[in-house]
């Protein structure tokens, strides 16, 4: 299996950023790590191994990115508005720097954004805002609210970076139609503490006639063994 390490300086984040790229051809996939996770997390915890035969066969090109969670959502040393602004810079980096990389290396097809836990949050937080960029969203054990990160702070930036807040007020026909073309999976374990958040987001999406697959895994918890099974199911050979 082809494996490449890439590092470049991001003007959007004013720092070096690392990625790992796997594969030589196929559909493009971006994997986002869990809370405060690094670009090598998916490899360390077996998600890449779960897909290795598909990647080697030319089914997928997978790029695993770094987060800046410690500088954004988890950074209690700065004001909540600064945390959200830092996240917005990371989103800009993801869409305008990582997407061209994986698109340029893939052989075509839909672009998938996927992640576990906070990576699932990022998947929908970013993916729903950019339905013309991402054609498939896969969250595994995600939680989609932002209130726990922001010490009660709320402003326009918070609103537009919190899908359960802005989605009910979305009425733009063009954007709704774009969202209706995106393939959406919300997978969560039966005993995962994030299950209510998944059920809530799924309901909000259906209220806008946005099709989504809410999959509750019997006996599943919030842990890597479940997510390794999930990714294999939702990214089949």
Protein backbone atom coordinates (compact mmCIF):
# COMPACT_ATOMS: atom_id res chain seq x y z
CA UNK A 1 0.00 0.00 0.00
CA UNK A 2 1.37 3.39 -1.00
CA UNK A 3 1.94 5.64 2.05
CA UNK A 4 3.19 9.22 1.84
CA UNK A 5 3.97 11.84 4.46
CA UNK A 6 3.40 15.48 3.50
CA UNK A 7 4.12 18.66 5.45
CA UNK A 8 3.69 22.27 4.41
CA UNK A 9 3.32 25.70 5.92
CA UNK A 10 -0.30 26.86 5.93
CA UNK A 11 -0.73 30.59 5.53
CA UNK A 12 -4.29 30.18 6.77
CA UNK A 13 -3.14 28.70 10.09
CA UNK A 14 0.30 30.34 10.31
CA UNK A 15 1.94 27.04 11.14
CA UNK A 16 3.20 23.81 9.59
CA UNK A 17 0.59 21.12 9.03
CA UNK A 18 1.13 17.39 8.51
CA UNK A 19 -0.88 14.80 6.59
CA UNK A 20 -0.54 11.15 5.68
CA UNK A 21 -1.75 9.99 2.29
CA UNK A 22 -2.55 6.35 1.49
CA UNK A 23 -3.25 4.82 -1.90
CA UNK A 24 -2.50 5.37 -5.55
CA UNK A 25 -5.93 5.72 -7.18
CA UNK A 26 -9.63 5.65 -6.40
CA UNK A 27 -12.23 7.84 -4.71
CA UNK A 28 -10.90 10.60 -2.42
CA UNK A 29 -11.46 10.38 1.33
CA UNK A 30 -10.42 12.78 4.10
CA UNK A 31 -10.28 11.31 7.61
CA UNK A 32 -10.43 13.71 10.57
CA UNK A 33 -9.03 12.58 13.96
CA UNK A 34 -10.79 12.47 17.31
CA UNK A 35 -10.39 15.11 20.04
CA UNK A 36 -6.91 16.71 19.90
CA UNK A 37 -5.87 13.89 17.56
CA UNK A 38 -2.96 13.89 15.17
CA UNK A 39 -2.62 12.95 11.52
CA UNK A 40 -1.25 9.48 12.38
CA UNK A 41 -4.13 8.52 14.69
CA UNK A 42 -6.15 6.61 12.08
CA UNK A 43 -3.12 4.46 11.37
CA UNK A 44 -2.28 3.91 15.05
CA UNK A 45 -5.82 2.85 15.93
CA UNK A 46 -6.44 0.54 13.00
CA UNK A 47 -8.74 2.47 10.68
CA UNK A 48 -6.20 2.35 7.86
CA UNK A 49 -5.61 -1.36 8.43
CA UNK A 50 -9.36 -1.92 8.21
CA UNK A 51 -9.29 -0.36 4.73
CA UNK A 52 -5.86 -1.57 3.60
CA UNK A 53 -7.11 -4.07 1.01
CA UNK A 54 -9.45 -1.46 -0.52
CA UNK A 55 -6.67 1.13 -0.61
CA UNK A 56 -4.16 -1.30 -2.12
CA UNK A 57 -6.70 -2.32 -4.76
CA UNK A 58 -7.07 1.28 -5.93
CA UNK A 59 -10.54 1.78 -4.49
CA UNK A 60 -9.67 4.80 -2.29
CA UNK A 61 -7.09 7.52 -1.78
CA UNK A 62 -7.20 8.45 1.92
CA UNK A 63 -5.72 11.57 3.45
CA UNK A 64 -5.48 11.78 7.25
CA UNK A 65 -5.22 15.32 8.57
CA UNK A 66 -4.10 17.06 11.74
CA UNK A 67 -6.53 18.91 13.96
CA UNK A 68 -6.03 22.18 15.82
CA UNK A 69 -8.52 21.27 18.54
CA UNK A 70 -6.13 22.26 21.33
CA UNK A 71 -5.93 25.73 19.76
CA UNK A 72 -9.66 26.00 19.10
CA UNK A 73 -12.46 24.18 20.92
CA UNK A 74 -10.32 23.01 23.86
CA UNK A 75 -8.26 26.17 24.35
CA UNK A 76 -9.48 27.58 27.66
CA UNK A 77 -6.66 30.15 27.67
CA UNK A 78 -8.40 32.28 25.04
CA UNK A 79 -11.87 33.77 24.75
CA UNK A 80 -14.61 31.55 23.27
CA UNK A 81 -14.87 33.78 20.20
CA UNK A 82 -11.17 33.22 19.53
CA UNK A 83 -11.67 29.45 19.81
CA UNK A 84 -14.35 29.51 17.13
CA UNK A 85 -12.28 31.80 14.93
CA UNK A 86 -9.35 29.37 15.13
CA UNK A 87 -11.64 26.52 14.13
CA UNK A 88 -12.85 28.60 11.15
CA UNK A 89 -9.22 28.99 10.03
CA UNK A 90 -8.78 25.21 10.22
CA UNK A 91 -11.94 24.72 8.15
CA UNK A 92 -10.51 27.11 5.56
CA UNK A 93 -7.29 25.08 5.53
CA UNK A 94 -9.20 21.82 5.12
CA UNK A 95 -11.35 23.03 2.23
CA UNK A 96 -8.73 25.05 0.36
CA UNK A 97 -5.51 23.14 1.01
CA UNK A 98 -6.31 19.50 1.84
CA UNK A 99 -9.18 19.07 -0.61
CA UNK A 100 -7.06 20.08 -3.64
CA UNK A 101 -4.34 17.64 -2.52
CA UNK A 102 -6.61 14.62 -2.29
CA UNK A 103 -8.60 15.59 -5.40
CA UNK A 104 -5.36 15.92 -7.33
CA UNK A 105 -4.17 12.46 -6.29
CA UNK A 106 -7.48 10.60 -6.61
CA UNK A 107 -8.76 9.24 -9.90
CA UNK A 108 -12.19 10.83 -9.54
CA UNK A 109 -15.48 10.08 -7.84
CA UNK A 110 -17.26 11.56 -4.86
CA UNK A 111 -15.27 13.22 -2.08
CA UNK A 112 -15.92 11.73 1.36
CA UNK A 113 -15.32 13.49 4.66
CA UNK A 114 -15.33 11.13 7.64
CA UNK A 115 -14.33 10.91 11.28
CA UNK A 116 -14.93 9.33 14.68
CA UNK A 117 -16.04 11.12 17.85
CA UNK A 118 -14.98 14.78 17.50
CA UNK A 119 -13.89 13.87 13.99
CA UNK A 120 -17.56 13.10 13.35
CA UNK A 121 -18.45 16.52 14.71
CA UNK A 122 -15.96 18.11 12.32
CA UNK A 123 -17.33 16.00 9.46
CA UNK A 124 -20.82 17.44 9.77
CA UNK A 125 -19.83 20.87 11.04
CA UNK A 126 -17.68 21.41 7.94
CA UNK A 127 -19.47 19.12 5.48
CA UNK A 128 -22.92 20.63 5.90
CA UNK A 129 -21.45 24.08 5.35
CA UNK A 130 -19.82 22.98 2.09
CA UNK A 131 -22.25 20.70 0.23
CA UNK A 132 -20.70 21.64 -3.12
CA UNK A 133 -17.30 20.36 -1.92
CA UNK A 134 -18.15 17.08 -0.15
CA UNK A 135 -20.43 14.46 -1.69
CA UNK A 136 -20.47 12.03 1.26
CA UNK A 137 -20.32 12.51 5.04
CA UNK A 138 -19.66 9.66 7.47
CA UNK A 139 -19.75 10.31 11.20
CA UNK A 140 -18.97 7.48 13.62
CA UNK A 141 -19.86 8.31 17.21
CA UNK A 142 -19.99 12.06 16.61
CA UNK A 143 -21.58 14.73 18.80
CA UNK A 144 -22.67 17.90 17.05
CA UNK A 145 -23.40 20.56 19.65
CA UNK A 146 -20.79 23.18 20.61
CA UNK A 147 -22.19 24.56 23.88
CA UNK A 148 -19.84 22.51 26.08
CA UNK A 149 -16.81 24.17 24.49
CA UNK A 150 -17.80 27.83 24.77
CA UNK A 151 -18.58 28.70 28.41
CA UNK A 152 -22.03 30.02 27.53
CA UNK A 153 -20.75 32.36 24.81
CA UNK A 154 -22.90 32.78 21.73
CA UNK A 155 -22.57 34.95 18.66
CA UNK A 156 -23.07 34.77 14.90
CA UNK A 157 -19.87 32.76 14.38
CA UNK A 158 -20.97 30.19 16.94
CA UNK A 159 -24.37 29.95 15.29
CA UNK A 160 -22.98 29.27 11.83
CA UNK A 161 -20.46 26.72 13.11
CA UNK A 162 -23.07 24.71 15.03
CA UNK A 163 -25.22 22.66 12.66
CA UNK A 164 -28.10 21.98 15.11
CA UNK A 165 -28.47 25.76 15.50
CA UNK A 166 -28.41 27.00 11.91
CA UNK A 167 -30.03 24.06 10.18
CA UNK A 168 -33.61 24.72 11.41
CA UNK A 169 -33.40 28.26 10.06
CA UNK A 170 -32.10 27.28 6.63
CA UNK A 171 -34.58 28.15 3.88
CA UNK A 172 -32.34 28.85 0.87
CA UNK A 173 -33.60 26.53 -1.87
CA UNK A 174 -30.27 26.25 -3.65
CA UNK A 175 -28.37 25.26 -0.53
CA UNK A 176 -31.08 22.85 0.58
CA UNK A 177 -31.03 21.16 -2.81
CA UNK A 178 -27.24 20.89 -2.61
CA UNK A 179 -27.49 19.27 0.82
CA UNK A 180 -30.10 16.83 -0.48
CA UNK A 181 -27.56 15.53 -2.97
CA UNK A 182 -24.99 14.68 -0.28
CA UNK A 183 -24.90 11.08 1.00
CA UNK A 184 -25.04 11.27 4.80
CA UNK A 185 -24.34 8.57 7.37
CA UNK A 186 -24.75 9.05 11.12
CA UNK A 187 -23.47 5.87 12.78
CA UNK A 188 -23.46 5.53 16.55
CA UNK A 189 -23.39 2.74 19.10
CA UNK A 190 -26.52 1.78 20.98
CA UNK A 191 -24.78 2.62 24.27
CA UNK A 192 -22.74 5.57 23.01
CA UNK A 193 -23.31 8.76 25.02
CA UNK A 194 -23.43 10.60 21.67
CA UNK A 195 -26.50 8.70 20.50
CA UNK A 196 -29.02 11.45 21.43
CA UNK A 197 -27.02 14.02 19.46
CA UNK A 198 -27.10 11.78 16.38
CA UNK A 199 -30.82 11.19 16.71
CA UNK A 200 -31.41 14.94 17.07
CA UNK A 201 -29.32 15.91 14.04
CA UNK A 202 -30.94 13.19 11.95
CA UNK A 203 -34.38 14.53 12.88
CA UNK A 204 -33.36 18.11 11.98
CA UNK A 205 -32.10 16.94 8.60
CA UNK A 206 -35.28 15.01 7.83
CA UNK A 207 -37.35 18.07 8.78
CA UNK A 208 -35.63 19.78 5.83
CA UNK A 209 -36.22 16.73 3.59
CA UNK A 210 -32.49 15.99 3.68
CA UNK A 211 -32.05 12.24 3.44
CA UNK A 212 -29.67 10.67 5.96
CA UNK A 213 -28.91 7.20 7.25
CA UNK A 214 -29.06 7.08 11.05
CA UNK A 215 -27.55 3.74 12.02
CA UNK A 216 -27.72 2.63 15.67
CA UNK A 217 -25.28 -0.25 16.22
CA UNK A 218 -26.67 -2.87 18.58
CA UNK A 219 -24.48 -3.14 21.67
CA UNK A 220 -22.06 -0.54 20.32
CA UNK A 221 -20.13 1.83 22.56
CA UNK A 222 -17.96 4.91 22.02
CA UNK A 223 -14.70 3.16 21.18
CA UNK A 224 -12.28 2.18 18.43
CA UNK A 225 -13.32 -1.47 17.95
CA UNK A 226 -16.81 -0.29 16.99
CA UNK A 227 -15.46 2.43 14.70
CA UNK A 228 -13.16 -0.03 12.91
CA UNK A 229 -16.21 -2.16 12.10
CA UNK A 230 -18.18 0.89 11.03
CA UNK A 231 -15.59 2.26 8.63
CA UNK A 232 -15.29 -1.10 6.95
CA UNK A 233 -19.04 -1.24 6.44
CA UNK A 234 -19.46 2.33 5.18
CA UNK A 235 -16.36 2.28 2.95
CA UNK A 236 -16.74 -1.13 1.34
CA UNK A 237 -14.38 -2.74 -1.19
